């Protein structure tokens, strides 16, 4: 994936039983100091039809969020086409190549990881994770998808709790969004 070491957040996305959920912790660090516990790194777009989560530098992530939204507008809301367009621009634009962030985007049909290397990757198993605790959250979510009856939103909460217990850059103040919305 990206050669940049993403520290300071964990984002995890799970697709199970016609539901997709994405969660992100709230910790923001500046070097080795926690400066915020309740940041919102997971958002919805298009009236809740698209979920997004960002790992990396906060300013860079916000820049990418805005650019992704404009790509959605350019491509009539098509998640795949917007993701490919963003990845292409990200890889070829001199300014954007300097951004230190990654993102996961999802809609009712697709889950995609987007990186500054030009990657647009769709996970085979419906589980994706990025950030400093991403490997821990992905491992936990993958096991829970296969070996539990938990719903996608509950898998996200448990996977994020596990990641927070392992990764010092991840906390338990988790924001979870889902499609369809949790009842």
N, C-alpha and C. Protein backbone atom coordinates (compact mmCIF):
# COMPACT_ATOMS: atom_id res chain seq x y z
N UNK A 1 0.84 -1.18 0.00
CA UNK A 1 0.00 0.00 0.00
C UNK A 1 0.88 1.24 0.00
N UNK A 2 0.54 2.20 0.83
CA UNK A 2 1.28 3.44 0.90
C UNK A 2 2.58 3.24 1.65
N UNK A 3 3.62 3.91 1.22
CA UNK A 3 4.90 3.82 1.92
C UNK A 3 4.91 4.72 3.15
N UNK A 4 3.91 5.56 3.28
CA UNK A 4 3.81 6.45 4.42
C UNK A 4 3.26 5.68 5.62
N UNK A 5 3.88 5.83 6.78
CA UNK A 5 3.39 5.18 7.98
C UNK A 5 2.24 6.01 8.55
N UNK A 6 1.04 5.44 8.51
CA UNK A 6 -0.13 6.14 8.99
C UNK A 6 -0.27 5.94 10.50
N UNK A 7 0.00 6.99 11.26
CA UNK A 7 -0.12 6.92 12.70
C UNK A 7 -1.20 7.89 13.14
N UNK A 8 -1.89 7.51 14.17
CA UNK A 8 -2.82 8.46 14.74
C UNK A 8 -4.28 8.15 14.55
N UNK A 9 -4.60 7.05 13.90
CA UNK A 9 -6.01 6.71 13.78
C UNK A 9 -6.17 5.27 13.32
N UNK A 10 -7.38 4.78 13.46
CA UNK A 10 -7.75 3.48 12.92
C UNK A 10 -9.14 3.61 12.31
N UNK A 11 -9.28 3.13 11.07
CA UNK A 11 -10.56 3.11 10.38
C UNK A 11 -10.79 1.66 9.94
N UNK A 12 -12.00 1.16 10.17
CA UNK A 12 -12.33 -0.21 9.79
C UNK A 12 -13.71 -0.23 9.13
N UNK A 13 -13.85 -1.04 8.09
CA UNK A 13 -15.10 -1.17 7.36
C UNK A 13 -15.44 -2.65 7.22
N UNK A 14 -16.70 -2.99 7.48
CA UNK A 14 -17.16 -4.38 7.40
C UNK A 14 -18.45 -4.43 6.59
N UNK A 15 -18.54 -5.43 5.73
CA UNK A 15 -19.74 -5.69 4.94
C UNK A 15 -20.22 -7.08 5.34
N UNK A 16 -21.47 -7.15 5.85
CA UNK A 16 -22.03 -8.44 6.27
C UNK A 16 -23.55 -8.37 6.23
N UNK A 17 -24.16 -9.42 5.67
CA UNK A 17 -25.63 -9.55 5.64
C UNK A 17 -26.33 -8.28 5.16
N UNK A 18 -25.97 -7.81 4.00
CA UNK A 18 -26.61 -6.65 3.38
C UNK A 18 -26.46 -5.35 4.17
N UNK A 19 -25.48 -5.30 5.05
CA UNK A 19 -25.18 -4.06 5.76
C UNK A 19 -23.69 -3.78 5.62
N UNK A 20 -23.34 -2.53 5.46
CA UNK A 20 -21.95 -2.12 5.48
C UNK A 20 -21.81 -1.08 6.59
N UNK A 21 -20.75 -1.22 7.39
CA UNK A 21 -20.51 -0.28 8.49
C UNK A 21 -19.06 0.13 8.46
N UNK A 22 -18.83 1.37 8.84
CA UNK A 22 -17.47 1.90 8.92
C UNK A 22 -17.33 2.59 10.26
N UNK A 23 -16.18 2.41 10.89
CA UNK A 23 -15.94 3.02 12.18
C UNK A 23 -14.54 3.60 12.25
N UNK A 24 -14.40 4.63 13.05
CA UNK A 24 -13.10 5.24 13.26
C UNK A 24 -12.99 5.73 14.68
N UNK A 25 -11.79 5.65 15.21
CA UNK A 25 -11.58 6.14 16.57
C UNK A 25 -11.48 7.66 16.56
N UNK A 26 -11.47 8.26 17.74
CA UNK A 26 -11.48 9.71 17.84
C UNK A 26 -10.17 10.35 18.24
N UNK A 27 -9.12 9.57 18.36
CA UNK A 27 -7.86 10.12 18.87
C UNK A 27 -7.09 10.87 17.80
N UNK A 28 -6.62 12.06 18.16
CA UNK A 28 -5.73 12.85 17.32
C UNK A 28 -4.46 13.08 18.11
N UNK A 29 -3.33 12.76 17.48
CA UNK A 29 -2.06 12.94 18.15
C UNK A 29 -1.20 13.96 17.41
N UNK A 30 -0.38 14.63 18.16
CA UNK A 30 0.63 15.52 17.61
C UNK A 30 1.94 14.99 18.16
N UNK A 31 2.69 14.29 17.31
CA UNK A 31 3.87 13.59 17.79
C UNK A 31 3.45 12.48 18.74
N UNK A 32 3.95 12.52 19.96
CA UNK A 32 3.59 11.49 20.93
C UNK A 32 2.61 11.99 21.99
N UNK A 33 1.89 13.08 21.66
CA UNK A 33 0.93 13.66 22.59
C UNK A 33 -0.49 13.59 22.03
N UNK A 34 -1.43 13.15 22.84
CA UNK A 34 -2.83 13.15 22.43
C UNK A 34 -3.36 14.57 22.60
N UNK A 35 -3.90 15.13 21.52
CA UNK A 35 -4.43 16.50 21.58
C UNK A 35 -5.95 16.54 21.49
N UNK A 36 -6.55 15.44 21.07
CA UNK A 36 -8.01 15.39 20.99
C UNK A 36 -8.45 13.94 21.10
N UNK A 37 -9.55 13.72 21.81
CA UNK A 37 -10.05 12.36 22.01
C UNK A 37 -11.29 12.05 21.19
N UNK A 38 -12.00 13.07 20.72
CA UNK A 38 -13.30 12.85 20.09
C UNK A 38 -13.44 13.35 18.67
N UNK A 39 -12.37 13.25 17.89
CA UNK A 39 -12.47 13.67 16.49
C UNK A 39 -13.39 12.74 15.71
N UNK A 40 -14.02 13.26 14.68
CA UNK A 40 -14.91 12.47 13.82
C UNK A 40 -14.20 12.24 12.49
N UNK A 41 -13.69 11.04 12.29
CA UNK A 41 -12.93 10.70 11.09
C UNK A 41 -13.75 9.87 10.12
N UNK A 42 -14.99 9.62 10.46
CA UNK A 42 -15.92 8.87 9.62
C UNK A 42 -17.07 9.80 9.29
N UNK A 43 -17.46 9.81 8.03
CA UNK A 43 -18.52 10.70 7.59
C UNK A 43 -19.42 10.01 6.57
N UNK A 44 -20.59 10.58 6.40
CA UNK A 44 -21.47 10.12 5.34
C UNK A 44 -21.54 11.20 4.27
N UNK A 45 -21.84 10.77 3.06
CA UNK A 45 -22.01 11.67 1.92
C UNK A 45 -23.26 11.24 1.17
N UNK A 46 -23.76 12.11 0.33
CA UNK A 46 -24.90 11.78 -0.52
C UNK A 46 -26.08 11.28 0.30
N UNK A 47 -26.45 12.05 1.32
CA UNK A 47 -27.59 11.73 2.18
C UNK A 47 -27.48 10.35 2.82
N UNK A 48 -26.26 9.99 3.22
CA UNK A 48 -26.03 8.73 3.91
C UNK A 48 -25.81 7.54 3.01
N UNK A 49 -25.79 7.72 1.70
CA UNK A 49 -25.61 6.61 0.76
C UNK A 49 -24.15 6.19 0.61
N UNK A 50 -23.23 7.06 1.00
CA UNK A 50 -21.81 6.76 0.90
C UNK A 50 -21.16 7.03 2.24
N UNK A 51 -20.32 6.07 2.67
CA UNK A 51 -19.57 6.18 3.92
C UNK A 51 -18.11 6.42 3.58
N UNK A 52 -17.45 7.27 4.38
CA UNK A 52 -16.03 7.53 4.18
C UNK A 52 -15.31 7.54 5.52
N UNK A 53 -14.06 7.13 5.49
CA UNK A 53 -13.20 7.18 6.67
C UNK A 53 -11.78 7.49 6.24
N UNK A 54 -11.09 8.30 7.04
CA UNK A 54 -9.76 8.77 6.69
C UNK A 54 -8.74 8.45 7.76
N UNK A 55 -7.56 8.09 7.33
CA UNK A 55 -6.43 7.92 8.25
C UNK A 55 -5.29 8.79 7.73
N UNK A 56 -4.59 9.42 8.64
CA UNK A 56 -3.45 10.25 8.27
C UNK A 56 -3.60 11.65 8.81
N UNK A 57 -2.87 12.55 8.21
CA UNK A 57 -2.89 13.95 8.60
C UNK A 57 -4.30 14.52 8.47
N UNK A 58 -4.74 15.25 9.48
CA UNK A 58 -6.10 15.78 9.50
C UNK A 58 -6.35 16.74 8.34
N UNK A 59 -5.45 17.67 8.10
CA UNK A 59 -5.64 18.63 7.01
C UNK A 59 -5.65 17.91 5.66
N UNK A 60 -4.78 16.92 5.50
CA UNK A 60 -4.74 16.16 4.26
C UNK A 60 -6.03 15.37 4.07
N UNK A 61 -6.50 14.77 5.13
CA UNK A 61 -7.74 14.00 5.05
C UNK A 61 -8.91 14.90 4.67
N UNK A 62 -8.99 16.08 5.24
CA UNK A 62 -10.07 17.01 4.90
C UNK A 62 -10.00 17.43 3.44
N UNK A 63 -8.79 17.65 2.96
CA UNK A 63 -8.58 17.99 1.56
C UNK A 63 -9.10 16.86 0.67
N UNK A 64 -8.76 15.62 1.01
CA UNK A 64 -9.20 14.48 0.22
C UNK A 64 -10.72 14.29 0.28
N UNK A 65 -11.30 14.52 1.44
CA UNK A 65 -12.75 14.43 1.59
C UNK A 65 -13.43 15.39 0.60
N UNK A 66 -12.97 16.62 0.56
CA UNK A 66 -13.55 17.61 -0.34
C UNK A 66 -13.35 17.24 -1.80
N UNK A 67 -12.15 16.75 -2.13
CA UNK A 67 -11.87 16.36 -3.51
C UNK A 67 -12.70 15.15 -3.93
N UNK A 68 -12.87 14.19 -3.00
CA UNK A 68 -13.67 13.02 -3.31
C UNK A 68 -15.12 13.43 -3.56
N UNK A 69 -15.62 14.33 -2.74
CA UNK A 69 -16.98 14.82 -2.92
C UNK A 69 -17.15 15.48 -4.29
N UNK A 70 -16.16 16.25 -4.72
CA UNK A 70 -16.26 16.88 -6.04
C UNK A 70 -16.17 15.84 -7.15
N UNK A 71 -15.40 14.78 -6.95
CA UNK A 71 -15.33 13.70 -7.94
C UNK A 71 -16.67 12.96 -8.03
N UNK A 72 -17.34 12.79 -6.89
CA UNK A 72 -18.68 12.20 -6.92
C UNK A 72 -19.63 13.06 -7.74
N UNK A 73 -19.53 14.38 -7.57
CA UNK A 73 -20.37 15.29 -8.35
C UNK A 73 -20.07 15.16 -9.85
N UNK A 74 -18.78 15.09 -10.19
CA UNK A 74 -18.37 14.97 -11.59
C UNK A 74 -18.84 13.67 -12.24
N UNK A 75 -18.96 12.62 -11.43
CA UNK A 75 -19.26 11.29 -11.96
C UNK A 75 -20.65 10.79 -11.53
N UNK A 76 -21.58 11.72 -11.39
CA UNK A 76 -22.99 11.41 -11.11
C UNK A 76 -23.18 10.45 -9.95
N UNK A 77 -22.34 10.59 -8.91
CA UNK A 77 -22.49 9.78 -7.70
C UNK A 77 -21.93 8.38 -7.79
N UNK A 78 -21.27 8.02 -8.88
CA UNK A 78 -20.70 6.68 -9.04
C UNK A 78 -19.46 6.54 -8.15
N UNK A 79 -19.56 5.69 -7.13
CA UNK A 79 -18.46 5.50 -6.18
C UNK A 79 -17.19 5.04 -6.89
N UNK A 80 -17.31 4.02 -7.74
CA UNK A 80 -16.13 3.46 -8.41
C UNK A 80 -15.46 4.48 -9.31
N UNK A 81 -16.23 5.16 -10.13
CA UNK A 81 -15.65 6.14 -11.06
C UNK A 81 -15.03 7.31 -10.30
N UNK A 82 -15.68 7.76 -9.24
CA UNK A 82 -15.13 8.86 -8.44
C UNK A 82 -13.84 8.44 -7.75
N UNK A 83 -13.79 7.21 -7.23
CA UNK A 83 -12.59 6.71 -6.56
C UNK A 83 -11.42 6.60 -7.53
N UNK A 84 -11.66 6.08 -8.71
CA UNK A 84 -10.60 5.96 -9.72
C UNK A 84 -10.11 7.34 -10.14
N UNK A 85 -11.03 8.28 -10.34
CA UNK A 85 -10.65 9.64 -10.73
C UNK A 85 -9.82 10.30 -9.63
N UNK A 86 -10.22 10.12 -8.37
CA UNK A 86 -9.46 10.71 -7.27
C UNK A 86 -8.07 10.08 -7.19
N UNK A 87 -7.98 8.77 -7.29
CA UNK A 87 -6.69 8.09 -7.21
C UNK A 87 -5.76 8.53 -8.34
N UNK A 88 -6.31 8.68 -9.52
CA UNK A 88 -5.51 9.14 -10.66
C UNK A 88 -4.98 10.55 -10.42
N UNK A 89 -5.86 11.45 -9.97
CA UNK A 89 -5.45 12.82 -9.69
C UNK A 89 -4.43 12.85 -8.55
N UNK A 90 -4.68 12.05 -7.52
CA UNK A 90 -3.81 11.99 -6.36
C UNK A 90 -2.40 11.55 -6.76
N UNK A 91 -2.32 10.57 -7.65
CA UNK A 91 -1.01 10.04 -8.06
C UNK A 91 -0.27 10.99 -8.99
N UNK A 92 -0.99 11.73 -9.81
CA UNK A 92 -0.34 12.55 -10.84
C UNK A 92 -0.14 14.01 -10.44
N UNK A 93 -0.89 14.52 -9.49
CA UNK A 93 -0.78 15.92 -9.09
C UNK A 93 0.37 16.11 -8.12
N UNK A 94 1.26 17.04 -8.42
CA UNK A 94 2.45 17.27 -7.60
C UNK A 94 2.10 17.61 -6.15
N UNK A 95 1.08 18.44 -5.94
CA UNK A 95 0.66 18.82 -4.59
C UNK A 95 0.03 17.64 -3.86
N UNK A 96 -0.90 16.96 -4.53
CA UNK A 96 -1.61 15.86 -3.88
C UNK A 96 -0.68 14.71 -3.51
N UNK A 97 0.36 14.47 -4.31
CA UNK A 97 1.29 13.37 -4.00
C UNK A 97 1.93 13.54 -2.63
N UNK A 98 1.95 14.75 -2.12
CA UNK A 98 2.57 15.01 -0.82
C UNK A 98 1.63 14.72 0.35
N UNK A 99 0.36 14.47 0.08
CA UNK A 99 -0.60 14.23 1.14
C UNK A 99 -0.31 12.92 1.85
N UNK A 100 -0.40 12.95 3.17
CA UNK A 100 -0.15 11.77 3.98
C UNK A 100 -1.47 11.28 4.57
N UNK A 101 -2.21 10.55 3.76
CA UNK A 101 -3.51 10.05 4.19
C UNK A 101 -3.92 8.88 3.31
N UNK A 102 -4.87 8.12 3.79
CA UNK A 102 -5.54 7.07 3.02
C UNK A 102 -7.02 7.18 3.34
N UNK A 103 -7.83 6.56 2.52
CA UNK A 103 -9.25 6.59 2.80
C UNK A 103 -9.93 5.29 2.41
N UNK A 104 -11.01 5.01 3.11
CA UNK A 104 -11.91 3.92 2.75
C UNK A 104 -13.24 4.57 2.41
N UNK A 105 -13.82 4.15 1.29
CA UNK A 105 -15.14 4.63 0.90
C UNK A 105 -16.02 3.41 0.64
N UNK A 106 -17.31 3.53 0.93
CA UNK A 106 -18.22 2.41 0.73
C UNK A 106 -19.61 2.91 0.42
N UNK A 107 -20.31 2.13 -0.39
CA UNK A 107 -21.73 2.35 -0.61
C UNK A 107 -22.43 1.01 -0.45
N UNK A 108 -23.66 0.90 -0.86
CA UNK A 108 -24.41 -0.34 -0.65
C UNK A 108 -23.79 -1.53 -1.38
N UNK A 109 -22.99 -1.28 -2.42
CA UNK A 109 -22.44 -2.37 -3.23
C UNK A 109 -20.94 -2.55 -3.15
N UNK A 110 -20.19 -1.50 -2.87
CA UNK A 110 -18.73 -1.54 -2.98
C UNK A 110 -18.04 -1.00 -1.73
N UNK A 111 -16.90 -1.59 -1.42
CA UNK A 111 -15.98 -1.06 -0.40
C UNK A 111 -14.64 -0.88 -1.09
N UNK A 112 -14.06 0.31 -1.00
CA UNK A 112 -12.81 0.60 -1.69
C UNK A 112 -11.81 1.26 -0.76
N UNK A 113 -10.54 0.86 -0.88
CA UNK A 113 -9.43 1.55 -0.23
C UNK A 113 -8.78 2.41 -1.30
N UNK A 114 -8.49 3.66 -0.98
CA UNK A 114 -7.87 4.57 -1.94
C UNK A 114 -6.59 5.11 -1.32
N UNK A 115 -5.50 5.05 -2.08
CA UNK A 115 -4.22 5.56 -1.58
C UNK A 115 -3.60 6.52 -2.58
N UNK A 116 -2.60 7.24 -2.12
CA UNK A 116 -1.88 8.18 -2.96
C UNK A 116 -0.98 7.53 -3.98
N UNK A 117 -0.80 6.21 -3.88
CA UNK A 117 0.00 5.49 -4.88
C UNK A 117 -0.81 5.22 -6.14
N UNK A 118 -2.07 5.62 -6.14
CA UNK A 118 -2.94 5.36 -7.27
C UNK A 118 -3.74 4.09 -7.08
N UNK A 119 -3.69 3.51 -5.87
CA UNK A 119 -4.42 2.28 -5.60
C UNK A 119 -5.90 2.55 -5.36
N UNK A 120 -6.73 1.73 -5.98
CA UNK A 120 -8.15 1.64 -5.67
C UNK A 120 -8.39 0.15 -5.51
N UNK A 121 -8.47 -0.29 -4.27
CA UNK A 121 -8.53 -1.72 -3.98
C UNK A 121 -9.86 -2.10 -3.35
N UNK A 122 -10.43 -3.19 -3.82
CA UNK A 122 -11.68 -3.71 -3.26
C UNK A 122 -11.35 -5.01 -2.53
N UNK A 123 -11.55 -5.06 -1.21
CA UNK A 123 -11.20 -6.27 -0.48
C UNK A 123 -12.09 -7.45 -0.88
N UNK A 124 -11.49 -8.65 -0.92
CA UNK A 124 -12.24 -9.85 -1.29
C UNK A 124 -13.25 -10.27 -0.24
N UNK A 125 -12.92 -10.04 1.03
CA UNK A 125 -13.73 -10.59 2.12
C UNK A 125 -14.69 -9.60 2.76
N UNK A 126 -14.79 -8.38 2.21
CA UNK A 126 -15.72 -7.40 2.76
C UNK A 126 -15.21 -6.68 3.99
N UNK A 127 -13.92 -6.88 4.32
CA UNK A 127 -13.33 -6.22 5.48
C UNK A 127 -12.13 -5.40 5.00
N UNK A 128 -12.08 -4.14 5.42
CA UNK A 128 -10.97 -3.26 5.07
C UNK A 128 -10.63 -2.43 6.30
N UNK A 129 -9.35 -2.13 6.45
CA UNK A 129 -8.93 -1.27 7.56
C UNK A 129 -7.65 -0.54 7.18
N UNK A 130 -7.51 0.67 7.71
CA UNK A 130 -6.32 1.49 7.46
C UNK A 130 -5.92 2.17 8.76
N UNK A 131 -4.75 2.76 8.74
CA UNK A 131 -4.26 3.53 9.88
C UNK A 131 -3.36 2.71 10.78
N UNK A 132 -2.95 3.33 11.85
CA UNK A 132 -1.97 2.72 12.74
C UNK A 132 -2.47 1.42 13.36
N UNK A 133 -3.74 1.33 13.67
CA UNK A 133 -4.30 0.11 14.24
C UNK A 133 -5.06 -0.71 13.22
N UNK A 134 -4.91 -0.40 11.95
CA UNK A 134 -5.65 -1.05 10.90
C UNK A 134 -5.46 -2.56 10.83
N UNK A 135 -4.24 -3.02 10.97
CA UNK A 135 -3.99 -4.47 10.90
C UNK A 135 -4.69 -5.20 12.04
N UNK A 136 -4.70 -4.59 13.23
CA UNK A 136 -5.35 -5.22 14.38
C UNK A 136 -6.87 -5.25 14.19
N UNK A 137 -7.43 -4.13 13.74
CA UNK A 137 -8.87 -4.05 13.52
C UNK A 137 -9.30 -5.00 12.42
N UNK A 138 -8.52 -5.09 11.35
CA UNK A 138 -8.86 -5.99 10.24
C UNK A 138 -8.82 -7.44 10.70
N UNK A 139 -7.81 -7.81 11.46
CA UNK A 139 -7.72 -9.19 11.94
C UNK A 139 -8.92 -9.53 12.83
N UNK A 140 -9.24 -8.63 13.74
CA UNK A 140 -10.37 -8.88 14.65
C UNK A 140 -11.67 -8.94 13.87
N UNK A 141 -11.89 -8.00 12.95
CA UNK A 141 -13.13 -7.97 12.18
C UNK A 141 -13.26 -9.20 11.28
N UNK A 142 -12.17 -9.62 10.68
CA UNK A 142 -12.20 -10.80 9.82
C UNK A 142 -12.62 -12.03 10.62
N UNK A 143 -12.06 -12.19 11.81
CA UNK A 143 -12.43 -13.33 12.66
C UNK A 143 -13.90 -13.24 13.08
N UNK A 144 -14.34 -12.06 13.44
CA UNK A 144 -15.72 -11.89 13.89
C UNK A 144 -16.74 -12.11 12.77
N UNK A 145 -16.40 -11.69 11.56
CA UNK A 145 -17.30 -11.91 10.43
C UNK A 145 -17.50 -13.42 10.22
N UNK A 146 -16.41 -14.17 10.32
CA UNK A 146 -16.46 -15.61 10.06
C UNK A 146 -16.99 -16.44 11.23
N UNK A 147 -16.79 -15.96 12.45
CA UNK A 147 -17.05 -16.81 13.61
C UNK A 147 -18.03 -16.22 14.62
N UNK A 148 -18.90 -15.32 14.16
CA UNK A 148 -19.91 -14.78 15.07
C UNK A 148 -21.16 -14.45 14.30
N UNK A 149 -22.22 -14.22 15.02
CA UNK A 149 -23.49 -13.82 14.44
C UNK A 149 -23.69 -12.31 14.56
N UNK A 150 -22.66 -11.60 14.99
CA UNK A 150 -22.77 -10.16 15.17
C UNK A 150 -23.08 -9.45 13.86
N UNK A 151 -23.84 -8.36 13.97
CA UNK A 151 -24.11 -7.50 12.82
C UNK A 151 -22.86 -6.68 12.51
N UNK A 152 -22.81 -6.12 11.31
CA UNK A 152 -21.64 -5.34 10.87
C UNK A 152 -21.28 -4.23 11.85
N UNK A 153 -22.27 -3.48 12.34
CA UNK A 153 -21.97 -2.38 13.26
C UNK A 153 -21.37 -2.88 14.57
N UNK A 154 -21.84 -4.03 15.04
CA UNK A 154 -21.30 -4.60 16.28
C UNK A 154 -19.89 -5.16 16.07
N UNK A 155 -19.65 -5.71 14.90
CA UNK A 155 -18.30 -6.18 14.57
C UNK A 155 -17.34 -5.00 14.56
N UNK A 156 -17.76 -3.88 13.98
CA UNK A 156 -16.91 -2.69 13.96
C UNK A 156 -16.58 -2.25 15.38
N UNK A 157 -17.58 -2.15 16.22
CA UNK A 157 -17.34 -1.71 17.61
C UNK A 157 -16.35 -2.62 18.33
N UNK A 158 -16.53 -3.94 18.17
CA UNK A 158 -15.64 -4.89 18.85
C UNK A 158 -14.24 -4.87 18.24
N UNK A 159 -14.14 -4.81 16.94
CA UNK A 159 -12.83 -4.76 16.29
C UNK A 159 -12.07 -3.49 16.68
N UNK A 160 -12.78 -2.39 16.76
CA UNK A 160 -12.14 -1.12 17.16
C UNK A 160 -11.71 -1.17 18.63
N UNK A 161 -12.50 -1.82 19.49
CA UNK A 161 -12.11 -1.97 20.89
C UNK A 161 -10.83 -2.80 21.00
N UNK A 162 -10.76 -3.86 20.24
CA UNK A 162 -9.56 -4.71 20.24
C UNK A 162 -8.35 -3.93 19.73
N UNK A 163 -8.52 -3.20 18.63
CA UNK A 163 -7.42 -2.39 18.10
C UNK A 163 -6.95 -1.35 19.12
N UNK A 164 -7.88 -0.71 19.82
CA UNK A 164 -7.53 0.30 20.82
C UNK A 164 -6.76 -0.30 21.99
N UNK A 165 -7.01 -1.57 22.29
CA UNK A 165 -6.27 -2.23 23.36
C UNK A 165 -4.85 -2.58 22.96
N UNK A 166 -4.55 -2.55 21.66
CA UNK A 166 -3.22 -2.92 21.16
C UNK A 166 -2.43 -1.70 20.68
N UNK A 167 -3.09 -0.82 19.93
CA UNK A 167 -2.42 0.32 19.28
C UNK A 167 -2.50 1.57 20.15
N UNK A 168 -1.36 2.15 20.47
CA UNK A 168 -1.33 3.34 21.33
C UNK A 168 -1.87 4.59 20.62
N UNK A 169 -2.02 4.54 19.29
CA UNK A 169 -2.54 5.69 18.54
C UNK A 169 -4.03 5.56 18.26
N UNK A 170 -4.70 4.60 18.91
CA UNK A 170 -6.13 4.36 18.70
C UNK A 170 -6.83 4.41 20.05
N UNK A 171 -7.98 5.08 20.12
CA UNK A 171 -8.73 5.09 21.38
C UNK A 171 -10.10 4.43 21.20
N UNK A 172 -10.85 4.38 22.28
CA UNK A 172 -12.15 3.70 22.26
C UNK A 172 -13.32 4.65 22.02
N UNK A 173 -13.05 5.89 21.71
CA UNK A 173 -14.10 6.85 21.36
C UNK A 173 -14.40 6.68 19.87
N UNK A 174 -15.28 5.75 19.54
CA UNK A 174 -15.49 5.30 18.16
C UNK A 174 -16.78 5.88 17.58
N UNK A 175 -16.69 6.33 16.35
CA UNK A 175 -17.84 6.75 15.57
C UNK A 175 -18.13 5.65 14.56
N UNK A 176 -19.38 5.21 14.49
CA UNK A 176 -19.77 4.16 13.53
C UNK A 176 -20.93 4.68 12.70
N UNK A 177 -20.82 4.49 11.38
CA UNK A 177 -21.89 4.82 10.43
C UNK A 177 -22.19 3.56 9.64
N UNK A 178 -23.45 3.42 9.19
CA UNK A 178 -23.79 2.21 8.44
C UNK A 178 -24.82 2.48 7.34
N UNK A 179 -24.87 1.55 6.40
CA UNK A 179 -25.87 1.51 5.34
C UNK A 179 -26.43 0.09 5.34
N UNK A 180 -27.69 -0.18 5.46
CA UNK A 180 -28.66 0.81 5.92
C UNK A 180 -28.35 1.21 7.34
N UNK A 181 -28.89 2.34 7.71
CA UNK A 181 -28.64 2.87 9.06
C UNK A 181 -29.10 1.88 10.11
N UNK A 182 -28.35 1.88 11.20
CA UNK A 182 -28.66 0.99 12.32
C UNK A 182 -30.04 1.34 12.89
N UNK A 183 -30.85 0.31 13.19
CA UNK A 183 -32.17 0.59 13.75
C UNK A 183 -32.15 0.70 15.24
